[in-house]
C-alpha atoms as a PDB file:
ATOM      1  CA  MET A   1     -58.552 -34.476   8.122  1.00  0.00           C
ATOM      2  CA  SER A   2     -58.406 -35.930   4.649  1.00  0.00           C
ATOM      3  CA  ILE A   3     -61.138 -36.551   2.125  1.00  0.00           C
ATOM      4  CA  SER A   4     -61.538 -38.858  -0.846  1.00  0.00           C
ATOM      5  CA  TRP A   5     -63.187 -37.983  -4.129  1.00  0.00           C
ATOM      6  CA  GLY A   6     -63.807 -40.116  -7.161  1.00  0.00           C
ATOM      7  CA  LYS A   7     -66.434 -42.618  -8.184  1.00  0.00           C
ATOM      8  CA  LYS A   8     -64.569 -44.710 -10.774  1.00  0.00           C
ATOM      9  CA  GLN A   9     -61.314 -44.392  -8.878  1.00  0.00           C
ATOM     10  CA  ARG A  10     -60.879 -42.845  -5.421  1.00  0.00           C
ATOM     11  CA  TYR A  11     -58.259 -40.183  -4.713  1.00  0.00           C
ATOM     12  CA  LYS A  12     -57.317 -39.275  -1.155  1.00  0.00           C
ATOM     13  CA  PHE A  13     -56.728 -35.538  -0.762  1.00  0.00           C
ATOM     14  CA  ASN A  14     -54.660 -34.138   2.111  1.00  0.00           C
ATOM     15  CA  SER A  15     -56.093 -32.025   4.897  1.00  0.00           C
ATOM     16  CA  GLY A  16     -58.271 -29.147   3.929  1.00  0.00           C
ATOM     17  CA  VAL A  17     -57.050 -25.782   5.109  1.00  0.00           C
ATOM     18  CA  PRO A  18     -58.602 -22.346   4.753  1.00  0.00           C
ATOM     19  CA  LEU A  19     -57.495 -20.802   1.480  1.00  0.00           C
ATOM     20  CA  THR A  20     -56.516 -17.598   3.299  1.00  0.00           C
ATOM     21  CA  SER A  21     -53.832 -19.428   5.318  1.00  0.00           C
ATOM     22  CA  TRP A  22     -52.709 -21.913   2.633  1.00  0.00           C
ATOM     23  CA  ALA A  23     -49.052 -21.960   1.688  1.00  0.00           C
ATOM     24  CA  PRO A  24     -49.015 -23.970  -1.568  1.00  0.00           C
ATOM     25  CA  PRO A  25     -46.326 -26.654  -1.441  1.00  0.00           C
ATOM     26  CA  ALA A  26     -43.726 -27.031  -4.175  1.00  0.00           C
ATOM     27  CA  CYS A  27     -45.187 -30.210  -5.608  1.00  0.00           C
ATOM     28  CA  SER A  28     -47.072 -31.539  -8.566  1.00  0.00           C
ATOM     29  CA  ALA A  29     -50.716 -32.094  -7.624  1.00  0.00           C
ATOM     30  CA  VAL A  30     -54.432 -31.965  -8.258  1.00  0.00           C
ATOM     31  CA  TYR A  31     -56.254 -29.648  -5.872  1.00  0.00           C
ATOM     32  CA  ALA A  32     -59.840 -28.896  -4.892  1.00  0.00           C
ATOM     33  CA  LEU A  33     -61.313 -25.573  -3.796  1.00  0.00           C
ATOM     34  CA  THR A  34     -64.315 -26.130  -1.538  1.00  0.00           C
ATOM     35  CA  TYR A  35     -66.761 -24.467   0.813  1.00  0.00           C
ATOM     36  CA  LYS A  36     -69.140 -25.684   3.497  1.00  0.00           C
ATOM     37  CA  GLN A  37     -72.791 -25.359   2.428  1.00  0.00           C
ATOM     38  CA  ASP A  38     -74.087 -25.924   5.957  1.00  0.00           C
ATOM     39  CA  PRO A  39     -71.236 -25.478   8.459  1.00  0.00           C
ATOM     40  CA  ALA A  40     -73.541 -25.631  11.498  1.00  0.00           C
ATOM     41  CA  ALA A  41     -75.372 -28.871  10.663  1.00  0.00           C
ATOM     42  CA  LYS A  42     -72.612 -30.556   8.623  1.00  0.00           C
ATOM     43  CA  PRO A  43     -69.283 -29.075   9.751  1.00  0.00           C
ATOM     44  CA  LYS A  44     -67.165 -31.712   7.968  1.00  0.00           C
ATOM     45  CA  SER A  45     -69.078 -31.692   4.675  1.00  0.00           C
ATOM     46  CA  HIS A  46     -67.384 -29.838   1.799  1.00  0.00           C
ATOM     47  CA  THR A  47     -68.819 -28.926  -1.596  1.00  0.00           C
ATOM     48  CA  VAL A  48     -66.284 -28.729  -4.415  1.00  0.00           C
ATOM     49  CA  LEU A  49     -66.267 -25.517  -6.415  1.00  0.00           C
ATOM     50  CA  TYR A  50     -63.230 -26.288  -8.557  1.00  0.00           C
ATOM     51  CA  PHE A  51     -60.735 -29.040  -9.337  1.00  0.00           C
ATOM     52  CA  GLY A  52     -57.410 -27.838 -10.708  1.00  0.00           C
ATOM     53  CA  HIS A  53     -53.924 -29.206 -11.267  1.00  0.00           C
ATOM     54  CA  ALA A  54     -50.412 -27.809 -11.394  1.00  0.00           C
ATOM     55  CA  GLU A  55     -46.875 -28.988 -11.973  1.00  0.00           C
ATOM     56  CA  ASP A  56     -45.704 -26.810  -9.061  1.00  0.00           C
ATOM     57  CA  LEU A  57     -48.457 -25.576  -6.766  1.00  0.00           C
ATOM     58  CA  SER A  58     -46.193 -23.016  -5.122  1.00  0.00           C
ATOM     59  CA  GLN A  59     -45.675 -21.281  -8.471  1.00  0.00           C
ATOM     60  CA  GLN A  60     -48.962 -21.871 -10.294  1.00  0.00           C
ATOM     61  CA  ALA A  61     -51.901 -22.342  -7.926  1.00  0.00           C
ATOM     62  CA  ALA A  62     -52.648 -18.659  -7.270  1.00  0.00           C
ATOM     63  CA  GLY A  63     -52.956 -17.852 -10.959  1.00  0.00           C
ATOM     64  CA  PHE A  64     -55.017 -20.936 -11.708  1.00  0.00           C
ATOM     65  CA  HIS A  65     -57.708 -20.290  -9.120  1.00  0.00           C
ATOM     66  CA  LYS A  66     -57.928 -16.489  -9.326  1.00  0.00           C
ATOM     67  CA  HIS A  67     -61.041 -16.744 -11.517  1.00  0.00           C
ATOM     68  CA  VAL A  68     -62.684 -18.924  -8.850  1.00  0.00           C
ATOM     69  CA  LEU A  69     -61.975 -16.363  -6.133  1.00  0.00           C
ATOM     70  CA  ASP A  70     -63.229 -13.497  -8.290  1.00  0.00           C
ATOM     71  CA  ALA A  71     -66.454 -15.340  -9.174  1.00  0.00           C
ATOM     72  CA  TRP A  72     -67.015 -16.436  -5.556  1.00  0.00           C
ATOM     73  CA  VAL A  73     -66.699 -12.866  -4.231  1.00  0.00           C
ATOM     74  CA  GLU A  74     -68.786 -11.429  -7.096  1.00  0.00           C
ATOM     75  CA  ASN A  75     -71.583 -13.823  -6.082  1.00  0.00           C
ATOM     76  CA  GLY A  76     -71.539 -12.706  -2.448  1.00  0.00           C
ATOM     77  CA  GLY A  77     -69.118 -15.218  -0.959  1.00  0.00           C
ATOM     78  CA  GLN A  78     -66.279 -14.429   1.407  1.00  0.00           C
ATOM     79  CA  VAL A  79     -62.721 -15.584   0.682  1.00  0.00           C
ATOM     80  CA  GLY A  80     -62.543 -16.875   4.276  1.00  0.00           C
ATOM     81  CA  GLU A  81     -65.237 -19.456   3.453  1.00  0.00           C
ATOM     82  CA  LEU A  82     -63.007 -21.305   0.976  1.00  0.00           C
ATOM     83  CA  PHE A  83     -60.823 -24.340   1.691  1.00  0.00           C
ATOM     84  CA  VAL A  84     -58.201 -26.155  -0.329  1.00  0.00           C
ATOM     85  CA  PHE A  85     -57.439 -29.884  -0.446  1.00  0.00           C
ATOM     86  CA  VAL A  86     -54.425 -31.359  -2.260  1.00  0.00           C
ATOM     87  CA  TYR A  87     -53.824 -34.720  -3.935  1.00  0.00           C
ATOM     88  CA  PRO A  88     -50.009 -34.818  -4.402  1.00  0.00           C
ATOM     89  CA  MET A  89     -48.810 -36.372  -7.661  1.00  0.00           C
ATOM     90  CA  ASP A  90     -45.034 -35.914  -7.579  1.00  0.00           C
ATOM     91  CA  GLY A  91     -43.445 -37.231 -10.728  1.00  0.00           C
ATOM     92  CA  ALA A  92     -46.763 -37.267 -12.608  1.00  0.00           C
ATOM     93  CA  THR A  93     -46.971 -35.920 -16.126  1.00  0.00           C
ATOM     94  CA  ARG A  94     -49.293 -33.109 -17.144  1.00  0.00           C
ATOM     95  CA  TRP A  95     -51.445 -35.721 -18.906  1.00  0.00           C
ATOM     96  CA  GLN A  96     -51.731 -37.833 -15.716  1.00  0.00           C
ATOM     97  CA  ARG A  97     -52.737 -34.829 -13.591  1.00  0.00           C
ATOM     98  CA  SER A  98     -55.158 -33.633 -16.246  1.00  0.00           C
ATOM     99  CA  SER A  99     -56.732 -37.114 -16.444  1.00  0.00           C
ATOM    100  CA  VAL A 100     -57.413 -37.135 -12.690  1.00  0.00           C
ATOM    101  CA  GLN A 101     -58.825 -33.605 -12.842  1.00  0.00           C
ATOM    102  CA  GLU A 102     -61.035 -34.448 -15.840  1.00  0.00           C
ATOM    103  CA  GLN A 103     -62.372 -37.588 -14.150  1.00  0.00           C
ATOM    104  CA  LEU A 104     -63.287 -35.662 -11.000  1.00  0.00           C
ATOM    105  CA  VAL A 105     -64.863 -32.798 -12.954  1.00  0.00           C
ATOM    106  CA  SER A 106     -66.970 -35.237 -14.985  1.00  0.00           C
ATOM    107  CA  GLU A 107     -68.153 -37.013 -11.827  1.00  0.00           C
ATOM    108  CA  TYR A 108     -68.884 -33.991  -9.602  1.00  0.00           C
ATOM    109  CA  TYR A 109     -69.600 -31.095 -12.027  1.00  0.00           C
ATOM    110  CA  PRO A 110     -68.006 -28.361  -9.873  1.00  0.00           C
ATOM    111  CA  GLN A 111     -69.627 -25.039 -10.595  1.00  0.00           C
ATOM    112  CA  TYR A 112     -66.429 -23.080 -11.264  1.00  0.00           C
ATOM    113  CA  ASN A 113     -64.836 -25.577 -13.644  1.00  0.00           C
ATOM    114  CA  ARG A 114     -67.538 -24.413 -16.052  1.00  0.00           C
ATOM    115  CA  LEU A 115     -66.463 -20.744 -16.075  1.00  0.00           C
END
């Protein structure tokens, strides 16, 4: 399963996997942390909590989204409810990744990008 986000420009993110079983790849990317608001009625519908980016997900992702996990659990959520989607951007500069992240944040207003 993949999903696209973006209103001005669409970005196709790779399969969403539960955060608890995610092994971050060694690649440059923008990523989305999501949850399912209504898994029974809309099992494929994901709500974005956070858009982030990293030069090397395998080295940086855990540190970047720790505040999201902490806030999610503090507000009564379970870590097992979270999913991650990745938009690989190998060879992209920090500015390019940041531009994609900023566009998506400005279009979707994810709750944990405002922490």
